[in-house]
Each structure stands twice: as structure tokens, then as C-alpha cells.
Amino acid sequence: MSQIWDLWFPKGGATGISFCRSRIADDVGNTVLVHAAPPELDVTIRDQEGHMVAQGMGLVRDQPGPMSFLHREGTSVKLSDGWPSPNDVGKVVLLPGGEAGILTAWWHADDCSEWRWSVEFYNHQ
């Protein structure tokens, strides 16, 4: 079973632009990370049959940084910004364009002036 996370930047272009559309396993938990999210997102999560299961509209970033978190709470999606911690290793990271990987390592300086991270990608047919 899988789900489709569709992230839309509503202020891009004349009528908005797709930021990321990714098919991921439905057992990823309730939080995924987003790398380099735009200032605002509309998020729709659909099951593999295409039925909407959760949505968040007009989600606005509130601080700079390389990562944002999308939290699914029932049929709602919320956004928060922050810096990953060791507890986030193993979570899905959505990248612009739709690639989805697993965060395998994260480090950042105390003053957030630099960071290092790695992500693993896996696919099968």
C-alpha cells in the first residue's frame, strides 16, 4: 500500500506550481520532512486509489532553514519548521520534484550556520 503526497506552491507562477508529488509507503508514520520548502504550501495526501485522506492548505513557513516538517493529524496536515534531531533519522524526506528518501544522518552547528546530512534512496519494480 502507498500514498501520494502532493505539495503545491500556490504563489508560484500565475496559478501556482507543483513543488513535489511523491508516492511513499503508507507506513511512514505521521511526520515527513521536506527539504527546501517554498514559503507556502498546499498539501494533499491521497491513498493509492486516489481518494483524499488528509489536507493542509495555506501552510506558511515561519523560519528559515533547510528543513520543514509535515505532520499528519487525522485528516489535517500541519507544517512546522526546525532542525532535524537524531530522533528524525529514519524518517522520509521529500525533495523538490518528488524524490523521496530516508534520512540516514543529520548534523548542524549550534548556531545553524552549517549542516551536513545524508539521505538514502531505494526503488524497486
N, C-alpha and C. Protein backbone atom coordinates (compact mmCIF):
# COMPACT_ATOMS: atom_id res chain seq x y z
N MET A 1 0.84 -1.18 0.00
CA MET A 1 0.00 0.00 0.00
C MET A 1 0.89 1.24 0.00
N SER A 2 0.40 2.27 -0.67
CA SER A 2 1.15 3.52 -0.74
C SER A 2 0.19 4.69 -0.67
N GLN A 3 0.78 5.86 -0.51
CA GLN A 3 0.02 7.09 -0.52
C GLN A 3 0.78 8.11 -1.35
N ILE A 4 0.06 9.08 -1.86
CA ILE A 4 0.66 10.12 -2.69
C ILE A 4 0.61 11.43 -1.91
N TRP A 5 1.77 12.01 -1.69
CA TRP A 5 1.88 13.32 -1.05
C TRP A 5 2.09 14.34 -2.16
N ASP A 6 1.13 15.24 -2.32
CA ASP A 6 1.17 16.26 -3.37
C ASP A 6 1.35 17.62 -2.72
N LEU A 7 2.50 18.24 -2.95
CA LEU A 7 2.84 19.54 -2.36
C LEU A 7 2.81 20.59 -3.46
N TRP A 8 2.01 21.61 -3.27
CA TRP A 8 1.76 22.63 -4.27
C TRP A 8 2.18 23.99 -3.71
N PHE A 9 2.94 24.76 -4.50
CA PHE A 9 3.31 26.13 -4.12
C PHE A 9 2.29 27.07 -4.75
N PRO A 10 1.30 27.54 -3.98
CA PRO A 10 0.19 28.29 -4.56
C PRO A 10 0.57 29.67 -5.09
N LYS A 11 1.70 30.23 -4.66
CA LYS A 11 2.08 31.57 -5.08
C LYS A 11 3.08 31.56 -6.25
N GLY A 12 3.46 30.37 -6.72
CA GLY A 12 4.39 30.27 -7.83
C GLY A 12 3.67 30.43 -9.17
N GLY A 13 4.27 31.16 -10.08
CA GLY A 13 3.66 31.35 -11.40
C GLY A 13 2.33 32.07 -11.31
N ALA A 14 1.55 31.96 -12.36
CA ALA A 14 0.27 32.66 -12.42
C ALA A 14 -0.79 31.99 -11.55
N THR A 15 -0.76 30.65 -11.48
CA THR A 15 -1.81 29.94 -10.74
C THR A 15 -1.24 28.89 -9.81
N GLY A 16 0.03 28.99 -9.47
CA GLY A 16 0.68 28.01 -8.60
C GLY A 16 1.51 27.04 -9.41
N ILE A 17 2.33 26.27 -8.70
CA ILE A 17 3.21 25.32 -9.37
C ILE A 17 3.45 24.12 -8.45
N SER A 18 3.57 22.96 -9.04
CA SER A 18 3.86 21.77 -8.25
C SER A 18 5.26 21.85 -7.67
N PHE A 19 5.37 21.61 -6.38
CA PHE A 19 6.68 21.58 -5.73
C PHE A 19 7.19 20.14 -5.64
N CYS A 20 6.29 19.23 -5.31
CA CYS A 20 6.70 17.84 -5.11
C CYS A 20 5.45 16.96 -5.16
N ARG A 21 5.54 15.87 -5.87
CA ARG A 21 4.50 14.85 -5.85
C ARG A 21 5.21 13.52 -5.74
N SER A 22 4.96 12.83 -4.63
CA SER A 22 5.73 11.63 -4.34
C SER A 22 4.83 10.51 -3.84
N ARG A 23 5.11 9.31 -4.30
CA ARG A 23 4.41 8.11 -3.83
C ARG A 23 5.32 7.45 -2.79
N ILE A 24 4.79 7.32 -1.56
CA ILE A 24 5.58 6.71 -0.49
C ILE A 24 4.73 5.65 0.21
N ALA A 25 5.37 4.78 0.94
CA ALA A 25 4.67 3.73 1.68
C ALA A 25 3.75 4.36 2.70
N ASP A 26 2.61 3.73 2.93
CA ASP A 26 1.66 4.33 3.86
C ASP A 26 2.00 4.06 5.32
N ASP A 27 3.09 3.36 5.58
CA ASP A 27 3.50 3.10 6.96
C ASP A 27 4.64 4.02 7.40
N VAL A 28 4.74 5.21 6.80
CA VAL A 28 5.85 6.13 7.10
C VAL A 28 5.67 6.86 8.42
N GLY A 29 4.52 6.73 9.02
CA GLY A 29 4.25 7.47 10.25
C GLY A 29 3.52 8.76 9.92
N ASN A 30 3.41 9.63 10.90
CA ASN A 30 2.62 10.85 10.74
C ASN A 30 3.45 12.09 10.44
N THR A 31 4.77 11.95 10.34
CA THR A 31 5.62 13.10 10.07
C THR A 31 6.60 12.77 8.95
N VAL A 32 6.68 13.66 7.97
CA VAL A 32 7.71 13.57 6.94
C VAL A 32 8.43 14.91 6.91
N LEU A 33 9.67 14.90 6.45
CA LEU A 33 10.46 16.11 6.31
C LEU A 33 10.39 16.58 4.86
N VAL A 34 10.54 17.88 4.67
CA VAL A 34 10.56 18.47 3.33
C VAL A 34 11.81 19.31 3.23
N HIS A 35 12.63 19.04 2.22
CA HIS A 35 13.85 19.82 2.01
C HIS A 35 13.55 21.01 1.10
N ALA A 36 14.00 22.19 1.50
CA ALA A 36 13.93 23.41 0.70
C ALA A 36 12.50 23.77 0.32
N ALA A 37 11.58 23.66 1.27
CA ALA A 37 10.18 24.00 1.00
C ALA A 37 10.05 25.48 0.66
N PRO A 38 9.10 25.80 -0.22
CA PRO A 38 8.84 27.22 -0.52
C PRO A 38 8.16 27.90 0.67
N PRO A 39 7.94 29.20 0.61
CA PRO A 39 7.37 29.94 1.74
C PRO A 39 5.95 29.50 2.13
N GLU A 40 5.21 28.94 1.19
CA GLU A 40 3.84 28.49 1.46
C GLU A 40 3.56 27.22 0.69
N LEU A 41 2.79 26.32 1.29
CA LEU A 41 2.44 25.05 0.66
C LEU A 41 0.97 24.73 0.86
N ASP A 42 0.39 24.09 -0.15
CA ASP A 42 -0.87 23.37 -0.01
C ASP A 42 -0.49 21.90 -0.13
N VAL A 43 -0.98 21.07 0.78
CA VAL A 43 -0.60 19.65 0.82
C VAL A 43 -1.87 18.80 0.76
N THR A 44 -1.86 17.84 -0.14
CA THR A 44 -2.95 16.86 -0.23
C THR A 44 -2.34 15.47 -0.20
N ILE A 45 -2.86 14.62 0.66
CA ILE A 45 -2.42 13.23 0.72
C ILE A 45 -3.57 12.37 0.21
N ARG A 46 -3.25 11.48 -0.72
CA ARG A 46 -4.26 10.58 -1.30
C ARG A 46 -3.82 9.13 -1.11
N ASP A 47 -4.81 8.24 -0.99
CA ASP A 47 -4.48 6.82 -0.94
C ASP A 47 -4.19 6.33 -2.35
N GLN A 48 -3.82 5.06 -2.47
CA GLN A 48 -3.39 4.58 -3.79
C GLN A 48 -4.53 4.53 -4.80
N GLU A 49 -5.78 4.60 -4.34
CA GLU A 49 -6.92 4.67 -5.26
C GLU A 49 -7.23 6.11 -5.66
N GLY A 50 -6.53 7.08 -5.07
CA GLY A 50 -6.74 8.48 -5.41
C GLY A 50 -7.69 9.23 -4.51
N HIS A 51 -8.21 8.59 -3.47
CA HIS A 51 -9.10 9.26 -2.53
C HIS A 51 -8.30 10.12 -1.56
N MET A 52 -8.76 11.36 -1.35
CA MET A 52 -8.08 12.25 -0.42
C MET A 52 -8.26 11.74 1.00
N VAL A 53 -7.14 11.65 1.73
CA VAL A 53 -7.20 11.19 3.12
C VAL A 53 -6.78 12.28 4.11
N ALA A 54 -6.07 13.30 3.65
CA ALA A 54 -5.67 14.40 4.52
C ALA A 54 -5.29 15.60 3.66
N GLN A 55 -5.41 16.80 4.25
CA GLN A 55 -5.11 18.01 3.50
C GLN A 55 -4.73 19.14 4.44
N GLY A 56 -3.86 20.00 3.97
CA GLY A 56 -3.49 21.24 4.66
C GLY A 56 -3.32 22.32 3.62
N MET A 57 -4.03 23.41 3.76
CA MET A 57 -3.99 24.48 2.77
C MET A 57 -3.38 25.74 3.40
N GLY A 58 -2.61 26.49 2.60
CA GLY A 58 -2.03 27.74 3.06
C GLY A 58 -1.06 27.57 4.22
N LEU A 59 -0.28 26.48 4.19
CA LEU A 59 0.70 26.22 5.26
C LEU A 59 1.91 27.12 5.03
N VAL A 60 2.19 27.98 6.00
CA VAL A 60 3.23 29.02 5.84
C VAL A 60 4.43 28.69 6.71
N ARG A 61 5.61 28.78 6.10
CA ARG A 61 6.85 28.61 6.86
C ARG A 61 7.04 29.80 7.78
N ASP A 62 7.60 29.53 8.97
CA ASP A 62 7.77 30.62 9.93
C ASP A 62 9.22 30.88 10.31
N GLN A 63 10.15 30.14 9.72
CA GLN A 63 11.56 30.41 9.97
C GLN A 63 12.40 29.84 8.85
N PRO A 64 13.58 30.43 8.61
CA PRO A 64 14.45 29.91 7.57
C PRO A 64 15.11 28.60 8.01
N GLY A 65 15.67 27.93 7.06
CA GLY A 65 16.38 26.68 7.35
C GLY A 65 16.13 25.69 6.23
N PRO A 66 16.90 24.63 6.18
CA PRO A 66 16.80 23.69 5.07
C PRO A 66 15.65 22.70 5.17
N MET A 67 15.05 22.55 6.35
CA MET A 67 14.03 21.51 6.52
C MET A 67 12.75 22.05 7.14
N SER A 68 11.67 21.48 6.68
CA SER A 68 10.35 21.69 7.29
C SER A 68 9.78 20.31 7.60
N PHE A 69 8.82 20.29 8.49
CA PHE A 69 8.16 19.05 8.87
C PHE A 69 6.68 19.14 8.52
N LEU A 70 6.15 18.11 7.90
CA LEU A 70 4.71 18.00 7.68
C LEU A 70 4.19 16.94 8.63
N HIS A 71 3.19 17.32 9.41
CA HIS A 71 2.61 16.43 10.41
C HIS A 71 1.18 16.11 10.01
N ARG A 72 0.90 14.85 9.82
CA ARG A 72 -0.47 14.43 9.52
C ARG A 72 -1.18 14.14 10.84
N GLU A 73 -2.30 14.83 11.04
CA GLU A 73 -3.11 14.66 12.25
C GLU A 73 -4.54 14.36 11.80
N GLY A 74 -4.87 13.08 11.69
CA GLY A 74 -6.18 12.69 11.17
C GLY A 74 -6.30 13.08 9.72
N THR A 75 -7.28 13.93 9.40
CA THR A 75 -7.46 14.37 8.02
C THR A 75 -6.81 15.73 7.76
N SER A 76 -6.05 16.24 8.73
CA SER A 76 -5.37 17.53 8.58
C SER A 76 -3.87 17.34 8.44
N VAL A 77 -3.24 18.29 7.77
CA VAL A 77 -1.78 18.34 7.67
C VAL A 77 -1.33 19.69 8.20
N LYS A 78 -0.35 19.69 9.08
CA LYS A 78 0.23 20.91 9.66
C LYS A 78 1.69 20.99 9.25
N LEU A 79 2.24 22.19 9.21
CA LEU A 79 3.65 22.42 8.87
C LEU A 79 4.34 23.07 10.04
N SER A 80 5.56 22.63 10.31
CA SER A 80 6.43 23.32 11.26
C SER A 80 7.83 23.34 10.68
N ASP A 81 8.59 24.34 11.05
CA ASP A 81 9.97 24.46 10.61
C ASP A 81 10.89 24.12 11.77
N GLY A 82 12.06 23.65 11.46
CA GLY A 82 13.01 23.34 12.51
C GLY A 82 14.20 22.59 11.95
N TRP A 83 15.00 22.13 12.86
CA TRP A 83 16.21 21.41 12.50
C TRP A 83 16.05 19.97 12.95
N PRO A 84 16.31 19.02 12.07
CA PRO A 84 16.18 17.61 12.47
C PRO A 84 17.08 17.27 13.65
N SER A 85 16.65 16.30 14.40
CA SER A 85 17.40 15.80 15.54
C SER A 85 17.71 14.33 15.28
N PRO A 86 18.48 13.69 16.15
CA PRO A 86 18.72 12.25 15.97
C PRO A 86 17.42 11.44 15.93
N ASN A 87 16.36 11.92 16.56
CA ASN A 87 15.08 11.22 16.53
C ASN A 87 14.45 11.21 15.14
N ASP A 88 14.89 12.10 14.25
CA ASP A 88 14.32 12.17 12.90
C ASP A 88 15.02 11.26 11.90
N VAL A 89 16.18 10.72 12.28
CA VAL A 89 16.87 9.77 11.39
C VAL A 89 15.94 8.59 11.19
N GLY A 90 15.78 8.20 9.93
CA GLY A 90 14.87 7.11 9.58
C GLY A 90 13.55 7.60 9.00
N LYS A 91 13.29 8.91 9.08
CA LYS A 91 12.06 9.46 8.52
C LYS A 91 12.22 9.74 7.03
N VAL A 92 11.10 9.80 6.34
CA VAL A 92 11.08 10.13 4.92
C VAL A 92 11.37 11.61 4.74
N VAL A 93 12.18 11.93 3.72
CA VAL A 93 12.45 13.30 3.31
C VAL A 93 11.94 13.46 1.89
N LEU A 94 11.05 14.43 1.66
CA LEU A 94 10.56 14.75 0.33
C LEU A 94 11.42 15.87 -0.24
N LEU A 95 11.85 15.68 -1.49
CA LEU A 95 12.71 16.66 -2.15
C LEU A 95 11.94 17.36 -3.26
N PRO A 96 12.34 18.59 -3.63
CA PRO A 96 11.68 19.26 -4.74
C PRO A 96 11.70 18.35 -5.98
N GLY A 97 10.58 18.28 -6.64
CA GLY A 97 10.46 17.44 -7.83
C GLY A 97 9.85 16.09 -7.55
N GLY A 98 9.87 15.62 -6.30
CA GLY A 98 9.15 14.40 -5.98
C GLY A 98 9.96 13.22 -5.48
N GLU A 99 11.28 13.30 -5.50
CA GLU A 99 12.04 12.18 -4.93
C GLU A 99 11.77 12.09 -3.44
N ALA A 100 11.74 10.87 -2.94
CA ALA A 100 11.56 10.62 -1.51
C ALA A 100 12.65 9.68 -1.05
N GLY A 101 13.32 10.04 0.00
CA GLY A 101 14.39 9.20 0.55
C GLY A 101 14.24 9.09 2.04
N ILE A 102 15.14 8.35 2.64
CA ILE A 102 15.15 8.16 4.08
C ILE A 102 16.35 8.92 4.65
N LEU A 103 16.09 9.77 5.64
CA LEU A 103 17.17 10.49 6.31
C LEU A 103 18.03 9.49 7.06
N THR A 104 19.32 9.41 6.70
CA THR A 104 20.23 8.45 7.35
C THR A 104 21.20 9.11 8.33
N ALA A 105 21.38 10.44 8.21
CA ALA A 105 22.27 11.15 9.14
C ALA A 105 21.96 12.63 9.06
N TRP A 106 22.13 13.30 10.19
CA TRP A 106 21.94 14.76 10.23
C TRP A 106 22.86 15.34 11.29
N TRP A 107 23.50 16.48 10.95
CA TRP A 107 24.29 17.25 11.90
C TRP A 107 24.14 18.71 11.52
N HIS A 108 24.08 19.59 12.52
CA HIS A 108 24.16 21.02 12.23
C HIS A 108 24.90 21.72 13.37
N ALA A 109 25.55 22.83 13.02
CA ALA A 109 26.28 23.63 14.01
C ALA A 109 25.29 24.24 14.98
N ASP A 110 25.74 24.50 16.19
CA ASP A 110 24.89 25.09 17.22
C ASP A 110 24.27 26.41 16.77
N ASP A 111 25.02 27.18 15.97
CA ASP A 111 24.48 28.46 15.50
C ASP A 111 23.74 28.34 14.17
N CYS A 112 23.55 27.10 13.70
CA CYS A 112 22.81 26.80 12.46
C CYS A 112 23.44 27.42 11.22
N SER A 113 24.74 27.69 11.27
CA SER A 113 25.43 28.29 10.13
C SER A 113 25.89 27.26 9.11
N GLU A 114 25.86 26.00 9.50
CA GLU A 114 26.24 24.93 8.57
C GLU A 114 25.57 23.64 9.00
N TRP A 115 25.43 22.73 8.03
CA TRP A 115 24.82 21.43 8.31
C TRP A 115 25.33 20.40 7.33
N ARG A 116 25.22 19.16 7.71
CA ARG A 116 25.60 18.02 6.87
C ARG A 116 24.54 16.95 7.06
N TRP A 117 24.12 16.38 5.95
CA TRP A 117 23.10 15.34 6.06
C TRP A 117 23.25 14.35 4.93
N SER A 118 22.66 13.19 5.10
CA SER A 118 22.65 12.20 4.04
C SER A 118 21.27 11.55 3.99
N VAL A 119 20.94 11.13 2.79
CA VAL A 119 19.64 10.52 2.54
C VAL A 119 19.86 9.29 1.65
N GLU A 120 19.08 8.28 1.89
CA GLU A 120 19.18 7.04 1.10
C GLU A 120 17.95 6.90 0.22
N PHE A 121 18.18 6.50 -1.03
CA PHE A 121 17.08 6.27 -1.97
C PHE A 121 17.03 4.79 -2.32
N TYR A 122 15.82 4.29 -2.44
CA TYR A 122 15.63 2.89 -2.82
C TYR A 122 14.38 2.79 -3.69
N ASN A 123 14.45 2.02 -4.74
CA ASN A 123 13.31 1.77 -5.60
C ASN A 123 13.29 0.32 -6.02
N HIS A 124 12.16 -0.14 -6.40
CA HIS A 124 12.04 -1.49 -6.97
C HIS A 124 10.94 -1.47 -8.02
N GLN A 125 10.95 -2.45 -8.92
CA GLN A 125 9.92 -2.52 -9.97
C GLN A 125 9.13 -3.79 -9.84
